[in-house]
Amino acid sequence: PAELPSQDAGGSGVTTGAGTATGATLAGQVQGTIDSIDAARRKVTIRDAQGNLSSYKLKAGAAVQVQGHKASLSALTKGDAVTITPAANDPTSATSIAVGS
């Protein structure tokens, strides 16, 4: 299995579509608060507890859930606390994003 990158303590923590994502991880998942959403590009940028920004492109067919219910990307809003599951082969892509539990 592919390893997720470790957080760069000296870096800015901002991704630009290439490079590594650096959110707070929990069992391969990343947690943070939505900073911005680009619906046209299916891209979500989150801010982790340390203030680092990480961007994820939602893969085709990625699961979006709000409070445990299936939702669309348009249901997400800036400020939502989310858990993202990065793709195993591309840590800048996401296979799921969930708000709440």
Protein backbone atom coordinates (compact mmCIF):
# COMPACT_ATOMS: atom_id res chain seq x y z
CA PRO A 1 0.00 0.00 0.00
CA ALA A 2 1.11 3.55 -0.69
CA GLU A 3 2.23 5.58 2.28
CA LEU A 4 0.73 8.97 2.95
CA PRO A 5 3.28 11.76 3.26
CA SER A 6 4.19 12.95 6.72
CA GLN A 7 3.59 16.55 7.66
CA ASP A 8 6.44 18.93 6.90
CA ALA A 9 6.94 20.81 10.17
CA GLY A 10 8.86 23.58 8.40
CA GLY A 11 6.67 23.89 5.31
CA SER A 12 3.77 26.12 4.57
CA GLY A 13 1.33 23.21 4.36
CA VAL A 14 -0.29 24.65 1.22
CA THR A 15 -0.80 22.44 -1.79
CA THR A 16 -1.17 23.69 -5.31
CA GLY A 17 -2.57 20.61 -7.03
CA ALA A 18 0.83 18.96 -7.14
CA GLY A 19 2.85 17.98 -4.12
CA THR A 20 1.66 16.64 -0.82
CA ALA A 21 -1.36 17.30 1.33
CA THR A 22 -0.66 17.95 5.00
CA GLY A 23 -3.78 17.75 7.15
CA ALA A 24 -4.11 16.21 10.59
CA THR A 25 -4.38 12.48 9.92
CA LEU A 26 -6.39 9.82 11.71
CA ALA A 27 -6.03 6.25 10.40
CA GLY A 28 -5.29 7.50 6.87
CA GLN A 29 -7.97 10.16 6.99
CA VAL A 30 -7.49 13.92 7.09
CA GLN A 31 -9.53 16.23 9.31
CA GLY A 32 -9.98 19.96 9.01
CA THR A 33 -12.35 22.81 8.28
CA ILE A 34 -13.37 23.75 4.75
CA ASP A 35 -11.56 26.91 3.68
CA SER A 36 -12.82 26.97 0.07
CA ILE A 37 -14.72 24.91 -2.48
CA ASP A 38 -14.21 25.00 -6.25
CA ALA A 39 -17.24 23.06 -7.47
CA ALA A 40 -16.27 23.35 -11.16
CA ARG A 41 -12.93 21.62 -10.47
CA ARG A 42 -14.36 19.39 -7.70
CA LYS A 43 -11.64 20.73 -5.42
CA VAL A 44 -11.92 21.33 -1.66
CA THR A 45 -9.30 23.17 0.40
CA ILE A 46 -9.26 22.54 4.14
CA ARG A 47 -7.43 24.10 7.08
CA ASP A 48 -6.14 21.73 9.76
CA ALA A 49 -5.85 22.43 13.50
CA GLN A 50 -2.33 23.87 12.98
CA GLY A 51 -3.60 26.31 10.33
CA ASN A 52 -2.09 24.47 7.35
CA LEU A 53 -4.05 24.45 4.09
CA SER A 54 -4.45 21.27 2.03
CA SER A 55 -6.33 20.87 -1.26
CA TYR A 56 -8.02 17.72 -2.51
CA LYS A 57 -9.63 16.98 -5.85
CA LEU A 58 -12.66 14.73 -5.40
CA LYS A 59 -12.34 11.69 -7.63
CA ALA A 60 -15.20 10.68 -9.91
CA GLY A 61 -17.68 8.77 -7.77
CA ALA A 62 -16.24 10.10 -4.50
CA ALA A 63 -18.65 9.71 -1.59
CA VAL A 64 -19.95 12.97 -0.08
CA GLN A 65 -21.81 12.69 3.22
CA VAL A 66 -23.37 15.23 5.56
CA GLN A 67 -24.32 13.97 9.05
CA GLY A 68 -24.15 10.35 7.79
CA HIS A 69 -26.40 10.93 4.76
CA LYS A 70 -25.41 10.88 1.09
CA ALA A 71 -25.09 14.44 -0.24
CA SER A 72 -23.69 16.41 -3.14
CA LEU A 73 -20.68 18.68 -3.21
CA SER A 74 -23.05 21.67 -3.23
CA ALA A 75 -24.21 20.68 0.30
CA LEU A 76 -20.77 21.54 1.70
CA THR A 77 -20.03 25.06 2.93
CA LYS A 78 -17.01 27.03 4.06
CA GLY A 79 -16.42 26.41 7.77
CA ASP A 80 -17.77 22.83 7.80
CA ALA A 81 -15.63 20.42 9.85
CA VAL A 82 -14.81 17.52 7.53
CA THR A 83 -13.02 14.20 7.37
CA ILE A 84 -11.40 13.40 4.02
CA THR A 85 -10.15 10.02 2.85
CA PRO A 86 -7.27 10.56 0.42
CA ALA A 87 -6.84 8.17 -2.50
CA ALA A 88 -4.22 5.51 -1.76
CA ASN A 89 -2.36 6.19 -5.01
CA ASP A 90 -2.69 10.01 -4.95
CA PRO A 91 -2.75 11.85 -1.61
CA THR A 92 -3.97 15.05 -3.34
CA SER A 93 -7.15 13.30 -4.50
CA ALA A 94 -10.01 12.23 -2.23
CA THR A 95 -12.27 9.17 -2.40
CA SER A 96 -14.64 10.53 0.25
CA ILE A 97 -15.48 13.63 2.26
CA ALA A 98 -17.79 13.66 5.26
CA VAL A 99 -19.27 16.44 7.40
CA GLY A 100 -20.16 15.36 10.95
CA SER A 101 -20.80 11.71 11.71
